[in-house]
C-alpha atoms as a PDB file:
ATOM      1  CA  MET A   1      98.527 114.476 108.803  1.00  0.00           C
ATOM      2  CA  TRP A   2      96.130 111.713 108.919  1.00  0.00           C
ATOM      3  CA  ILE A   3      94.356 112.981 106.082  1.00  0.00           C
ATOM      4  CA  PHE A   4      97.499 113.267 103.986  1.00  0.00           C
ATOM      5  CA  ARG A   5      98.146 109.710 104.482  1.00  0.00           C
ATOM      6  CA  TRP A   6      94.758 109.165 103.582  1.00  0.00           C
ATOM      7  CA  ILE A   7      95.182 111.335  99.862  1.00  0.00           C
ATOM      8  CA  ILE A   8      98.350 109.760  98.937  1.00  0.00           C
ATOM      9  CA  ILE A   9      97.207 106.051  99.806  1.00  0.00           C
ATOM     10  CA  PHE A  10      94.520 106.382  97.658  1.00  0.00           C
ATOM     11  CA  ILE A  11      96.111 108.322  94.928  1.00  0.00           C
ATOM     12  CA  PHE A  12      98.273 105.320  94.690  1.00  0.00           C
ATOM     13  CA  ILE A  13      95.850 102.511  94.688  1.00  0.00           C
ATOM     14  CA  VAL A  14      93.977 105.046  92.203  1.00  0.00           C
ATOM     15  CA  LEU A  15      97.417 104.414  89.535  1.00  0.00           C
ATOM     16  CA  ILE A  16      97.414 101.312  90.511  1.00  0.00           C
ATOM     17  CA  ILE A  17      93.794 100.436  89.433  1.00  0.00           C
ATOM     18  CA  TRP A  18      94.852 102.440  86.161  1.00  0.00           C
ATOM     19  CA  PHE A  19      98.271 100.707  85.403  1.00  0.00           C
ATOM     20  CA  ALA A  20      96.286  97.820  85.499  1.00  0.00           C
ATOM     21  CA  ILE A  21      93.164  98.372  83.039  1.00  0.00           C
ATOM     22  CA  GLU A  22      95.660  99.723  80.524  1.00  0.00           C
ATOM     23  CA  ASN A  23      98.171  96.629  80.627  1.00  0.00           C
ATOM     24  CA  ALA A  24      94.460  93.986  81.353  1.00  0.00           C
ATOM     25  CA  ASP A  25      94.418  92.873  77.830  1.00  0.00           C
ATOM     26  CA  GLN A  26      98.826  92.068  76.889  1.00  0.00           C
ATOM     27  CA  LYS A  27      99.427  88.610  77.383  1.00  0.00           C
ATOM     28  CA  VAL A  28     103.207  86.677  78.655  1.00  0.00           C
ATOM     29  CA  THR A  29     104.273  83.533  78.554  1.00  0.00           C
ATOM     30  CA  ILE A  30     106.403  82.605  81.627  1.00  0.00           C
ATOM     31  CA  LYS A  31     108.988  80.006  81.407  1.00  0.00           C
ATOM     32  CA  LEU A  32     109.441  78.234  84.816  1.00  0.00           C
ATOM     33  CA  PHE A  33     112.529  75.709  85.018  1.00  0.00           C
ATOM     34  CA  LYS A  34     111.153  73.014  82.563  1.00  0.00           C
ATOM     35  CA  TYR A  35     107.415  74.625  82.619  1.00  0.00           C
ATOM     36  CA  VAL A  36     106.806  76.760  80.242  1.00  0.00           C
ATOM     37  CA  PHE A  37     102.594  78.879  81.088  1.00  0.00           C
ATOM     38  CA  THR A  38     101.577  80.775  77.944  1.00  0.00           C
ATOM     39  CA  ASP A  39      98.836  83.593  77.946  1.00  0.00           C
ATOM     40  CA  VAL A  40      99.145  84.729  81.285  1.00  0.00           C
ATOM     41  CA  PRO A  41      98.123  88.076  82.083  1.00  0.00           C
ATOM     42  CA  LEU A  42     100.298  90.352  82.300  1.00  0.00           C
ATOM     43  CA  VAL A  43      98.197  91.997  85.670  1.00  0.00           C
ATOM     44  CA  LEU A  44      97.893  88.861  87.318  1.00  0.00           C
ATOM     45  CA  VAL A  45     101.876  88.269  86.898  1.00  0.00           C
ATOM     46  CA  MET A  46     102.713  91.679  88.432  1.00  0.00           C
ATOM     47  CA  PHE A  47      99.969  90.616  90.818  1.00  0.00           C
ATOM     48  CA  GLU A  48     102.022  87.839  92.077  1.00  0.00           C
ATOM     49  CA  SER A  49     105.261  89.248  92.137  1.00  0.00           C
ATOM     50  CA  PHE A  50     104.116  92.398  94.373  1.00  0.00           C
ATOM     51  CA  ILE A  51     102.027  89.705  97.009  1.00  0.00           C
ATOM     52  CA  LEU A  52     105.906  87.653  96.531  1.00  0.00           C
ATOM     53  CA  GLY A  53     107.554  90.883  97.780  1.00  0.00           C
ATOM     54  CA  VAL A  54     105.767  91.840 100.488  1.00  0.00           C
ATOM     55  CA  ILE A  55     106.152  88.190 101.798  1.00  0.00           C
ATOM     56  CA  VAL A  56     109.833  88.182 101.504  1.00  0.00           C
ATOM     57  CA  TRP A  57     109.809  92.081 102.972  1.00  0.00           C
ATOM     58  CA  PHE A  58     107.729  90.413 105.759  1.00  0.00           C
ATOM     59  CA  LEU A  59     109.873  87.539 106.291  1.00  0.00           C
ATOM     60  CA  SER A  60     112.766  89.232 106.443  1.00  0.00           C
ATOM     61  CA  LEU A  61     111.422  91.289 109.401  1.00  0.00           C
ATOM     62  CA  ILE A  62     111.469  88.688 111.138  1.00  0.00           C
ATOM     63  CA  HIS A  63     114.684  87.698 113.265  1.00  0.00           C
ATOM     64  CA  ILE A  64     115.920  84.245 114.342  1.00  0.00           C
END
């Protein structure tokens, strides 16, 4: 069963890398309240969104 888990993880990582490479040249503009960030790589925005989601998920596991 552990081999099945590692195969799924490997496939997931390969898909993420492939998606990041396909979107590497795309730039986006981010408007955050009164700040505007132009020409931000889409890969960076996606990665930061993922990390923020992981942090929020982790914090939701902590029972106060």
